[in-house]
Amino acid sequence: MTVSDTSSQLKAKLDLLSPELLKTISDFVDFLLQRQNAPSNLALPKPEQSTDTQATFEPRSALGKKLYAIRQQAVREGVTLATAEDIETEIAAQRRYHSFDEDLS
């Protein structure tokens, strides 16, 4: 199967999905692009969509709302937010630290 065939099949499937599922898929594609360090704003938004994710993002759960409020406050206070790479580096360091700690036991 060629890339063109795959693309055509994917477009046909996307046409069958609800707007909520299309948003979920768009978020997932942005995640995949971020993982390979590609820009996530390659696709042109539909005219009724905003390109500003901060203006359109609405947390659904109580925890999400609380965490988003904390994030907004941090941004207002000028806190530099960690990038995905920063977080991955920190997690790896913590895993190495805890692995070393277990080896000493």
PDB file of N, CA and C in Angstrom:
ATOM      1  N   MET A   1       0.844  -1.179   0.000  1.00  0.00           N
ATOM      2  CA  MET A   1       0.000   0.000   0.000  1.00  0.00           C
ATOM      3  C   MET A   1       0.891   1.244   0.000  1.00  0.00           C
ATOM      4  N   THR A   2       0.571   2.173  -0.879  1.00  0.00           N
ATOM      5  CA  THR A   2       1.373   3.385  -0.992  1.00  0.00           C
ATOM      6  C   THR A   2       0.938   4.425   0.043  1.00  0.00           C
ATOM      7  N   VAL A   3       1.771   5.428   0.217  1.00  0.00           N
ATOM      8  CA  VAL A   3       1.450   6.510   1.136  1.00  0.00           C
ATOM      9  C   VAL A   3       0.174   7.219   0.675  1.00  0.00           C
ATOM     10  N   SER A   4       0.029   7.386  -0.628  1.00  0.00           N
ATOM     11  CA  SER A   4      -1.161   8.043  -1.183  1.00  0.00           C
ATOM     12  C   SER A   4      -2.429   7.238  -0.874  1.00  0.00           C
ATOM     13  N   ASP A   5      -2.347   5.908  -1.006  1.00  0.00           N
ATOM     14  CA  ASP A   5      -3.492   5.048  -0.696  1.00  0.00           C
ATOM     15  C   ASP A   5      -3.849   5.136   0.785  1.00  0.00           C
ATOM     16  N   THR A   6      -2.820   5.090   1.635  1.00  0.00           N
ATOM     17  CA  THR A   6      -3.035   5.175   3.072  1.00  0.00           C
ATOM     18  C   THR A   6      -3.664   6.514   3.439  1.00  0.00           C
ATOM     19  N   SER A   7      -3.159   7.568   2.826  1.00  0.00           N
ATOM     20  CA  SER A   7      -3.689   8.904   3.093  1.00  0.00           C
ATOM     21  C   SER A   7      -5.153   9.003   2.679  1.00  0.00           C
ATOM     22  N   SER A   8      -5.498   8.468   1.522  1.00  0.00           N
ATOM     23  CA  SER A   8      -6.881   8.500   1.046  1.00  0.00           C
ATOM     24  C   SER A   8      -7.810   7.710   1.961  1.00  0.00           C
ATOM     25  N   GLN A   9      -7.359   6.543   2.402  1.00  0.00           N
ATOM     26  CA  GLN A   9      -8.168   5.728   3.311  1.00  0.00           C
ATOM     27  C   GLN A   9      -8.358   6.428   4.653  1.00  0.00           C
ATOM     28  N   LEU A  10      -7.312   7.058   5.140  1.00  0.00           N
ATOM     29  CA  LEU A  10      -7.397   7.774   6.407  1.00  0.00           C
ATOM     30  C   LEU A  10      -8.360   8.951   6.302  1.00  0.00           C
ATOM     31  N   LYS A  11      -8.291   9.701   5.217  1.00  0.00           N
ATOM     32  CA  LYS A  11      -9.210  10.824   5.016  1.00  0.00           C
ATOM     33  C   LYS A  11     -10.657  10.346   4.979  1.00  0.00           C
ATOM     34  N   ALA A  12     -10.919   9.235   4.312  1.00  0.00           N
ATOM     35  CA  ALA A  12     -12.285   8.703   4.235  1.00  0.00           C
ATOM     36  C   ALA A  12     -12.789   8.300   5.620  1.00  0.00           C
ATOM     37  N   LYS A  13     -11.925   7.724   6.421  1.00  0.00           N
ATOM     38  CA  LYS A  13     -12.312   7.327   7.771  1.00  0.00           C
ATOM     39  C   LYS A  13     -12.559   8.542   8.660  1.00  0.00           C
ATOM     40  N   LEU A  14     -11.716   9.556   8.517  1.00  0.00           N
ATOM     41  CA  LEU A  14     -11.871  10.766   9.322  1.00  0.00           C
ATOM     42  C   LEU A  14     -13.204  11.461   9.033  1.00  0.00           C
ATOM     43  N   ASP A  15     -13.664  11.389   7.784  1.00  0.00           N
ATOM     44  CA  ASP A  15     -14.936  12.009   7.422  1.00  0.00           C
ATOM     45  C   ASP A  15     -16.115  11.380   8.158  1.00  0.00           C
ATOM     46  N   LEU A  16     -15.939  10.183   8.676  1.00  0.00           N
ATOM     47  CA  LEU A  16     -17.021   9.475   9.369  1.00  0.00           C
ATOM     48  C   LEU A  16     -17.073   9.763  10.864  1.00  0.00           C
ATOM     49  N   LEU A  17     -16.064  10.422  11.394  1.00  0.00           N
ATOM     50  CA  LEU A  17     -15.965  10.633  12.843  1.00  0.00           C
ATOM     51  C   LEU A  17     -16.660  11.907  13.298  1.00  0.00           C
ATOM     52  N   SER A  18     -17.035  11.898  14.574  1.00  0.00           N
ATOM     53  CA  SER A  18     -17.654  13.066  15.197  1.00  0.00           C
ATOM     54  C   SER A  18     -16.604  14.150  15.433  1.00  0.00           C
ATOM     55  N   PRO A  19     -17.047  15.409  15.610  1.00  0.00           N
ATOM     56  CA  PRO A  19     -16.083  16.486  15.892  1.00  0.00           C
ATOM     57  C   PRO A  19     -15.256  16.223  17.148  1.00  0.00           C
ATOM     58  N   GLU A  20     -15.847  15.599  18.161  1.00  0.00           N
ATOM     59  CA  GLU A  20     -15.103  15.312  19.394  1.00  0.00           C
ATOM     60  C   GLU A  20     -13.972  14.330  19.130  1.00  0.00           C
ATOM     61  N   LEU A  21     -14.261  13.294  18.351  1.00  0.00           N
ATOM     62  CA  LEU A  21     -13.211  12.320  18.040  1.00  0.00           C
ATOM     63  C   LEU A  21     -12.147  12.924  17.128  1.00  0.00           C
ATOM     64  N   LEU A  22     -12.550  13.794  16.215  1.00  0.00           N
ATOM     65  CA  LEU A  22     -11.570  14.467  15.363  1.00  0.00           C
ATOM     66  C   LEU A  22     -10.624  15.317  16.198  1.00  0.00           C
ATOM     67  N   LYS A  23     -11.137  15.988  17.232  1.00  0.00           N
ATOM     68  CA  LYS A  23     -10.291  16.780  18.129  1.00  0.00           C
ATOM     69  C   LYS A  23      -9.302  15.867  18.853  1.00  0.00           C
ATOM     70  N   THR A  24      -9.779  14.712  19.315  1.00  0.00           N
ATOM     71  CA  THR A  24      -8.913  13.757  19.994  1.00  0.00           C
ATOM     72  C   THR A  24      -7.793  13.287  19.064  1.00  0.00           C
ATOM     73  N   ILE A  25      -8.152  12.992  17.834  1.00  0.00           N
ATOM     74  CA  ILE A  25      -7.154  12.535  16.863  1.00  0.00           C
ATOM     75  C   ILE A  25      -6.157  13.648  16.564  1.00  0.00           C
ATOM     76  N   SER A  26      -6.637  14.873  16.436  1.00  0.00           N
ATOM     77  CA  SER A  26      -5.751  16.009  16.199  1.00  0.00           C
ATOM     78  C   SER A  26      -4.760  16.165  17.350  1.00  0.00           C
ATOM     79  N   ASP A  27      -5.250  16.038  18.583  1.00  0.00           N
ATOM     80  CA  ASP A  27      -4.365  16.119  19.747  1.00  0.00           C
ATOM     81  C   ASP A  27      -3.320  15.010  19.720  1.00  0.00           C
ATOM     82  N   PHE A  28      -3.740  13.801  19.322  1.00  0.00           N
ATOM     83  CA  PHE A  28      -2.815  12.674  19.268  1.00  0.00           C
ATOM     84  C   PHE A  28      -1.744  12.899  18.196  1.00  0.00           C
ATOM     85  N   VAL A  29      -2.149  13.434  17.046  1.00  0.00           N
ATOM     86  CA  VAL A  29      -1.186  13.715  15.982  1.00  0.00           C
ATOM     87  C   VAL A  29      -0.197  14.781  16.449  1.00  0.00           C
ATOM     88  N   ASP A  30      -0.693  15.806  17.166  1.00  0.00           N
ATOM     89  CA  ASP A  30       0.212  16.813  17.728  1.00  0.00           C
ATOM     90  C   ASP A  30       1.218  16.168  18.664  1.00  0.00           C
ATOM     91  N   PHE A  31       0.748  15.222  19.493  1.00  0.00           N
ATOM     92  CA  PHE A  31       1.634  14.492  20.403  1.00  0.00           C
ATOM     93  C   PHE A  31       2.709  13.737  19.620  1.00  0.00           C
ATOM     94  N   LEU A  32       2.298  13.032  18.561  1.00  0.00           N
ATOM     95  CA  LEU A  32       3.261  12.274  17.762  1.00  0.00           C
ATOM     96  C   LEU A  32       4.281  13.200  17.090  1.00  0.00           C
ATOM     97  N   LEU A  33       3.803  14.335  16.591  1.00  0.00           N
ATOM     98  CA  LEU A  33       4.724  15.289  15.978  1.00  0.00           C
ATOM     99  C   LEU A  33       5.704  15.846  16.998  1.00  0.00           C
ATOM    100  N   GLN A  34       5.220  16.087  18.207  1.00  0.00           N
ATOM    101  CA  GLN A  34       6.107  16.587  19.259  1.00  0.00           C
ATOM    102  C   GLN A  34       7.167  15.541  19.595  1.00  0.00           C
ATOM    103  N   ARG A  35       6.778  14.281  19.620  1.00  0.00           N
ATOM    104  CA  ARG A  35       7.733  13.208  19.929  1.00  0.00           C
ATOM    105  C   ARG A  35       8.851  13.136  18.893  1.00  0.00           C
ATOM    106  N   GLN A  36       8.540  13.468  17.638  1.00  0.00           N
ATOM    107  CA  GLN A  36       9.595  13.435  16.619  1.00  0.00           C
ATOM    108  C   GLN A  36      10.143  14.830  16.338  1.00  0.00           C
ATOM    109  N   ASN A  37       9.857  15.776  17.243  1.00  0.00           N
ATOM    110  CA  ASN A  37      10.376  17.144  17.168  1.00  0.00           C
ATOM    111  C   ASN A  37       9.998  17.863  15.875  1.00  0.00           C
ATOM    112  N   ALA A  38       8.762  17.637  15.421  1.00  0.00           N
ATOM    113  CA  ALA A  38       8.256  18.334  14.243  1.00  0.00           C
ATOM    114  C   ALA A  38       7.225  19.358  14.693  1.00  0.00           C
ATOM    115  N   PRO A  39       7.044  20.429  13.926  1.00  0.00           N
ATOM    116  CA  PRO A  39       6.030  21.413  14.314  1.00  0.00           C
ATOM    117  C   PRO A  39       4.641  20.804  14.235  1.00  0.00           C
ATOM    118  N   SER A  40       3.785  21.106  15.214  1.00  0.00           N
ATOM    119  CA  SER A  40       2.450  20.516  15.262  1.00  0.00           C
ATOM    120  C   SER A  40       1.411  21.381  14.575  1.00  0.00           C
ATOM    121  N   ASN A  41       1.794  22.526  14.035  1.00  0.00           N
ATOM    122  CA  ASN A  41       0.822  23.407  13.411  1.00  0.00           C
ATOM    123  C   ASN A  41       0.890  23.321  11.886  1.00  0.00           C
ATOM    124  N   LEU A  42       1.170  22.137  11.369  1.00  0.00           N
ATOM    125  CA  LEU A  42       1.291  21.967   9.931  1.00  0.00           C
ATOM    126  C   LEU A  42      -0.051  22.036   9.227  1.00  0.00           C
ATOM    127  N   ALA A  43      -1.086  21.471   9.837  1.00  0.00           N
ATOM    128  CA  ALA A  43      -2.400  21.444   9.214  1.00  0.00           C
ATOM    129  C   ALA A  43      -3.085  22.794   9.395  1.00  0.00           C
ATOM    130  N   LEU A  44      -3.747  23.244   8.347  1.00  0.00           N
ATOM    131  CA  LEU A  44      -4.491  24.488   8.462  1.00  0.00           C
ATOM    132  C   LEU A  44      -5.784  24.232   9.223  1.00  0.00           C
ATOM    133  N   PRO A  45      -6.107  25.063  10.200  1.00  0.00           N
ATOM    134  CA  PRO A  45      -7.344  24.868  10.947  1.00  0.00           C
ATOM    135  C   PRO A  45      -8.550  25.213  10.096  1.00  0.00           C
ATOM    136  N   LYS A  46      -9.701  24.625  10.433  1.00  0.00           N
ATOM    137  CA  LYS A  46     -10.942  24.997   9.777  1.00  0.00           C
ATOM    138  C   LYS A  46     -11.244  26.440  10.155  1.00  0.00           C
ATOM    139  N   PRO A  47     -11.958  27.165   9.333  1.00  0.00           N
ATOM    140  CA  PRO A  47     -12.189  28.574   9.615  1.00  0.00           C
ATOM    141  C   PRO A  47     -12.798  28.853  10.980  1.00  0.00           C
ATOM    142  N   GLU A  48     -13.663  27.970  11.463  1.00  0.00           N
ATOM    143  CA  GLU A  48     -14.293  28.229  12.755  1.00  0.00           C
ATOM    144  C   GLU A  48     -13.405  27.851  13.936  1.00  0.00           C
ATOM    145  N   GLN A  49     -12.260  27.233  13.672  1.00  0.00           N
ATOM    146  CA  GLN A  49     -11.372  26.826  14.741  1.00  0.00           C
ATOM    147  C   GLN A  49     -10.340  27.915  15.027  1.00  0.00           C
ATOM    148  N   SER A  50      -9.977  28.023  16.284  1.00  0.00           N
ATOM    149  CA  SER A  50      -8.933  28.951  16.684  1.00  0.00           C
ATOM    150  C   SER A  50      -7.597  28.224  16.655  1.00  0.00           C
ATOM    151  N   THR A  51      -6.537  28.936  16.286  1.00  0.00           N
ATOM    152  CA  THR A  51      -5.205  28.329  16.322  1.00  0.00           C
ATOM    153  C   THR A  51      -4.578  28.493  17.691  1.00  0.00           C
ATOM    154  N   ASP A  52      -5.214  29.261  18.575  1.00  0.00           N
ATOM    155  CA  ASP A  52      -4.688  29.506  19.912  1.00  0.00           C
ATOM    156  C   ASP A  52      -5.225  28.438  20.862  1.00  0.00           C
ATOM    157  N   THR A  53      -4.395  27.429  21.191  1.00  0.00           N
ATOM    158  CA  THR A  53      -4.863  26.344  22.045  1.00  0.00           C
ATOM    159  C   THR A  53      -5.168  26.826  23.446  1.00  0.00           C
ATOM    160  N   GLN A  54      -4.489  27.884  23.902  1.00  0.00           N
ATOM    161  CA  GLN A  54      -4.760  28.406  25.234  1.00  0.00           C
ATOM    162  C   GLN A  54      -6.184  28.951  25.312  1.00  0.00           C
ATOM    163  N   ALA A  55      -6.666  29.554  24.229  1.00  0.00           N
ATOM    164  CA  ALA A  55      -7.994  30.157  24.242  1.00  0.00           C
ATOM    165  C   ALA A  55      -9.089  29.110  24.138  1.00  0.00           C
ATOM    166  N   THR A  56      -8.802  27.939  23.547  1.00  0.00           N
ATOM    167  CA  THR A  56      -9.842  26.952  23.322  1.00  0.00           C
ATOM    168  C   THR A  56      -9.768  25.761  24.266  1.00  0.00           C
ATOM    169  N   PHE A  57      -8.708  25.614  25.007  1.00  0.00           N
ATOM    170  CA  PHE A  57      -8.562  24.460  25.890  1.00  0.00           C
ATOM    171  C   PHE A  57      -9.487  24.577  27.091  1.00  0.00           C
ATOM    172  N   GLU A  58     -10.249  23.525  27.343  1.00  0.00           N
ATOM    173  CA  GLU A  58     -11.117  23.480  28.515  1.00  0.00           C
ATOM    174  C   GLU A  58     -10.954  22.117  29.192  1.00  0.00           C
ATOM    175  N   PRO A  59     -10.386  22.088  30.389  1.00  0.00           N
ATOM    176  CA  PRO A  59     -10.255  20.817  31.089  1.00  0.00           C
ATOM    177  C   PRO A  59     -11.640  20.241  31.395  1.00  0.00           C
ATOM    178  N   ARG A  60     -11.744  18.924  31.386  1.00  0.00           N
ATOM    179  CA  ARG A  60     -13.040  18.282  31.606  1.00  0.00           C
ATOM    180  C   ARG A  60     -13.229  17.817  33.045  1.00  0.00           C
ATOM    181  N   SER A  61     -12.180  17.308  33.653  1.00  0.00           N
ATOM    182  CA  SER A  61     -12.308  16.750  35.000  1.00  0.00           C
ATOM    183  C   SER A  61     -11.988  17.813  36.052  1.00  0.00           C
ATOM    184  N   ALA A  62     -12.399  17.536  37.276  1.00  0.00           N
ATOM    185  CA  ALA A  62     -12.103  18.451  38.382  1.00  0.00           C
ATOM    186  C   ALA A  62     -10.595  18.582  38.571  1.00  0.00           C
ATOM    187  N   LEU A  63      -9.878  17.461  38.485  1.00  0.00           N
ATOM    188  CA  LEU A  63      -8.422  17.499  38.616  1.00  0.00           C
ATOM    189  C   LEU A  63      -7.806  18.313  37.483  1.00  0.00           C
ATOM    190  N   GLY A  64      -8.280  18.087  36.261  1.00  0.00           N
ATOM    191  CA  GLY A  64      -7.769  18.839  35.118  1.00  0.00           C
ATOM    192  C   GLY A  64      -7.985  20.335  35.294  1.00  0.00           C
ATOM    193  N   LYS A  65      -9.157  20.717  35.797  1.00  0.00           N
ATOM    194  CA  LYS A  65      -9.448  22.140  36.030  1.00  0.00           C
ATOM    195  C   LYS A  65      -8.511  22.722  37.082  1.00  0.00           C
ATOM    196  N   LYS A  66      -8.265  21.951  38.137  1.00  0.00           N
ATOM    197  CA  LYS A  66      -7.375  22.420  39.203  1.00  0.00           C
ATOM    198  C   LYS A  66      -5.946  22.582  38.680  1.00  0.00           C
ATOM    199  N   LEU A  67      -5.462  21.576  37.947  1.00  0.00           N
ATOM    200  CA  LEU A  67      -4.106  21.637  37.410  1.00  0.00           C
ATOM    201  C   LEU A  67      -3.950  22.764  36.386  1.00  0.00           C
ATOM    202  N   TYR A  68      -4.981  22.976  35.576  1.00  0.00           N
ATOM    203  CA  TYR A  68      -4.925  24.043  34.580  1.00  0.00           C
ATOM    204  C   TYR A  68      -4.903  25.416  35.256  1.00  0.00           C
ATOM    205  N   ALA A  69      -5.664  25.559  36.340  1.00  0.00           N
ATOM    206  CA  ALA A  69      -5.659  26.821  37.091  1.00  0.00           C
ATOM    207  C   ALA A  69      -4.275  27.088  37.682  1.00  0.00           C
ATOM    208  N   ILE A  70      -3.637  26.039  38.193  1.00  0.00           N
ATOM    209  CA  ILE A  70      -2.278  26.177  38.738  1.00  0.00           C
ATOM    210  C   ILE A  70      -1.316  26.588  37.624  1.00  0.00           C
ATOM    211  N   ARG A  71      -1.454  25.972  36.457  1.00  0.00           N
ATOM    212  CA  ARG A  71      -0.596  26.308  35.319  1.00  0.00           C
ATOM    213  C   ARG A  71      -0.792  27.765  34.915  1.00  0.00           C
ATOM    214  N   GLN A  72      -2.039  28.203  34.812  1.00  0.00           N
ATOM    215  CA  GLN A  72      -2.314  29.581  34.419  1.00  0.00           C
ATOM    216  C   GLN A  72      -1.708  30.569  35.416  1.00  0.00           C
ATOM    217  N   GLN A  73      -1.800  30.248  36.701  1.00  0.00           N
ATOM    218  CA  GLN A  73      -1.222  31.125  37.721  1.00  0.00           C
ATOM    219  C   GLN A  73       0.294  31.173  37.576  1.00  0.00           C
ATOM    220  N   ALA A  74       0.907  30.028  37.331  1.00  0.00           N
ATOM    221  CA  ALA A  74       2.362  29.981  37.159  1.00  0.00           C
ATOM    222  C   ALA A  74       2.791  30.826  35.960  1.00  0.00           C
ATOM    223  N   VAL A  75       2.046  30.742  34.862  1.00  0.00           N
ATOM    224  CA  VAL A  75       2.364  31.529  33.674  1.00  0.00           C
ATOM    225  C   VAL A  75       2.235  33.023  33.983  1.00  0.00           C
ATOM    226  N   ARG A  76       1.168  33.396  34.695  1.00  0.00           N
ATOM    227  CA  ARG A  76       0.983  34.811  35.058  1.00  0.00           C
ATOM    228  C   ARG A  76       2.142  35.315  35.911  1.00  0.00           C
ATOM    229  N   GLU A  77       2.696  34.437  36.748  1.00  0.00           N
ATOM    230  CA  GLU A  77       3.796  34.817  37.637  1.00  0.00           C
ATOM    231  C   GLU A  77       5.158  34.740  36.948  1.00  0.00           C
ATOM    232  N   GLY A  78       5.169  34.344  35.690  1.00  0.00           N
ATOM    233  CA  GLY A  78       6.418  34.316  34.939  1.00  0.00           C
ATOM    234  C   GLY A  78       7.252  33.066  35.115  1.00  0.00           C
ATOM    235  N   VAL A  79       6.668  32.014  35.657  1.00  0.00           N
ATOM    236  CA  VAL A  79       7.398  30.760  35.834  1.00  0.00           C
ATOM    237  C   VAL A  79       7.688  30.161  34.458  1.00  0.00           C
ATOM    238  N   THR A  80       8.902  29.713  34.245  1.00  0.00           N
ATOM    239  CA  THR A  80       9.257  29.043  33.000  1.00  0.00           C
ATOM    240  C   THR A  80       8.784  27.596  33.080  1.00  0.00           C
ATOM    241  N   LEU A  81       7.913  27.227  32.145  1.00  0.00           N
ATOM    242  CA  LEU A  81       7.354  25.875  32.150  1.00  0.00           C
ATOM    243  C   LEU A  81       8.344  24.893  31.531  1.00  0.00           C
ATOM    244  N   ALA A  82       8.338  23.689  32.053  1.00  0.00           N
ATOM    245  CA  ALA A  82       9.213  22.639  31.531  1.00  0.00           C
ATOM    246  C   ALA A  82       8.693  22.156  30.186  1.00  0.00           C
ATOM    247  N   THR A  83       9.614  21.841  29.295  1.00  0.00           N
ATOM    248  CA  THR A  83       9.249  21.244  28.013  1.00  0.00           C
ATOM    249  C   THR A  83       9.104  19.732  28.205  1.00  0.00           C
ATOM    250  N   ALA A  84       8.561  19.073  27.202  1.00  0.00           N
ATOM    251  CA  ALA A  84       8.447  17.613  27.267  1.00  0.00           C
ATOM    252  C   ALA A  84       9.833  16.991  27.427  1.00  0.00           C
ATOM    253  N   GLU A  85      10.825  17.547  26.756  1.00  0.00           N
ATOM    254  CA  GLU A  85      12.197  17.037  26.863  1.00  0.00           C
ATOM    255  C   GLU A  85      12.735  17.218  28.286  1.00  0.00           C
ATOM    256  N   ASP A  86      12.444  18.363  28.904  1.00  0.00           N
ATOM    257  CA  ASP A  86      12.877  18.597  30.287  1.00  0.00           C
ATOM    258  C   ASP A  86      12.285  17.544  31.219  1.00  0.00           C
ATOM    259  N   ILE A  87      11.019  17.264  31.022  1.00  0.00           N
ATOM    260  CA  ILE A  87      10.329  16.297  31.882  1.00  0.00           C
ATOM    261  C   ILE A  87      10.896  14.901  31.680  1.00  0.00           C
ATOM    262  N   GLU A  88      11.120  14.519  30.413  1.00  0.00           N
ATOM    263  CA  GLU A  88      11.696  13.199  30.134  1.00  0.00           C
ATOM    264  C   GLU A  88      13.083  13.061  30.753  1.00  0.00           C
ATOM    265  N   THR A  89      13.883  14.116  30.699  1.00  0.00           N
ATOM    266  CA  THR A  89      15.224  14.104  31.298  1.00  0.00           C
ATOM    267  C   THR A  89      15.126  13.941  32.814  1.00  0.00           C
ATOM    268  N   GLU A  90      14.189  14.660  33.430  1.00  0.00           N
ATOM    269  CA  GLU A  90      14.013  14.564  34.876  1.00  0.00           C
ATOM    270  C   GLU A  90      13.550  13.168  35.293  1.00  0.00           C
ATOM    271  N   ILE A  91      12.632  12.597  34.545  1.00  0.00           N
ATOM    272  CA  ILE A  91      12.155  11.242  34.853  1.00  0.00           C
ATOM    273  C   ILE A  91      13.301  10.240  34.746  1.00  0.00           C
ATOM    274  N   ALA A  92      14.097  10.356  33.684  1.00  0.00           N
ATOM    275  CA  ALA A  92      15.236   9.444  33.509  1.00  0.00           C
ATOM    276  C   ALA A  92      16.214   9.579  34.669  1.00  0.00           C
ATOM    277  N   ALA A  93      16.472  10.805  35.105  1.00  0.00           N
ATOM    278  CA  ALA A  93      17.388  11.018  36.231  1.00  0.00           C
ATOM    279  C   ALA A  93      16.836  10.398  37.510  1.00  0.00           C
ATOM    280  N   GLN A  94      15.542  10.558  37.740  1.00  0.00           N
ATOM    281  CA  GLN A  94      14.924   9.976  38.931  1.00  0.00           C
ATOM    282  C   GLN A  94      14.987   8.448  38.879  1.00  0.00           C
ATOM    283  N   ARG A  95      14.767   7.884  37.705  1.00  0.00           N
ATOM    284  CA  ARG A  95      14.834   6.418  37.572  1.00  0.00           C
ATOM    285  C   ARG A  95      16.248   5.915  37.848  1.00  0.00           C
ATOM    286  N   ARG A  96      17.261   6.643  37.336  1.00  0.00           N
ATOM    287  CA  ARG A  96      18.644   6.244  37.607  1.00  0.00           C
ATOM    288  C   ARG A  96      18.938   6.344  39.100  1.00  0.00           C
ATOM    289  N   TYR A  97      18.474   7.410  39.743  1.00  0.00           N
ATOM    290  CA  TYR A  97      18.707   7.610  41.168  1.00  0.00           C
ATOM    291  C   TYR A  97      18.073   6.479  41.978  1.00  0.00           C
ATOM    292  N   HIS A  98      16.803   6.163  41.676  1.00  0.00           N
ATOM    293  CA  HIS A  98      16.123   5.120  42.440  1.00  0.00           C
ATOM    294  C   HIS A  98      16.689   3.739  42.144  1.00  0.00           C
ATOM    295  N   SER A  99      17.162   3.538  40.922  1.00  0.00           N
ATOM    296  CA  SER A  99      17.797   2.264  40.573  1.00  0.00           C
ATOM    297  C   SER A  99      19.097   2.111  41.360  1.00  0.00           C
ATOM    298  N   PHE A 100      19.875   3.182  41.476  1.00  0.00           N
ATOM    299  CA  PHE A 100      21.121   3.163  42.231  1.00  0.00           C
ATOM    300  C   PHE A 100      20.823   2.919  43.717  1.00  0.00           C
ATOM    301  N   ASP A 101      19.772   3.556  44.228  1.00  0.00           N
ATOM    302  CA  ASP A 101      19.387   3.423  45.623  1.00  0.00           C
ATOM    303  C   ASP A 101      19.003   1.977  45.948  1.00  0.00           C
ATOM    304  N   GLU A 102      18.299   1.311  45.017  1.00  0.00           N
ATOM    305  CA  GLU A 102      17.906  -0.086  45.223  1.00  0.00           C
ATOM    306  C   GLU A 102      19.101  -1.023  45.170  1.00  0.00           C
ATOM    307  N   ASP A 103      20.110  -0.671  44.352  1.00  0.00           N
ATOM    308  CA  ASP A 103      21.311  -1.503  44.255  1.00  0.00           C
ATOM    309  C   ASP A 103      22.091  -1.494  45.570  1.00  0.00           C
ATOM    310  N   LEU A 104      21.980  -0.443  46.357  1.00  0.00           N
ATOM    311  CA  LEU A 104      22.696  -0.349  47.603  1.00  0.00           C
ATOM    312  C   LEU A 104      22.041  -1.159  48.708  1.00  0.00           C
ATOM    313  N   SER A 105      20.784  -1.513  48.526  1.00  0.00           N
ATOM    314  CA  SER A 105      20.051  -2.263  49.576  1.00  0.00           C
ATOM    315  C   SER A 105      20.468  -3.694  49.645  1.00  0.00           C
TER     316      SER A 105
END
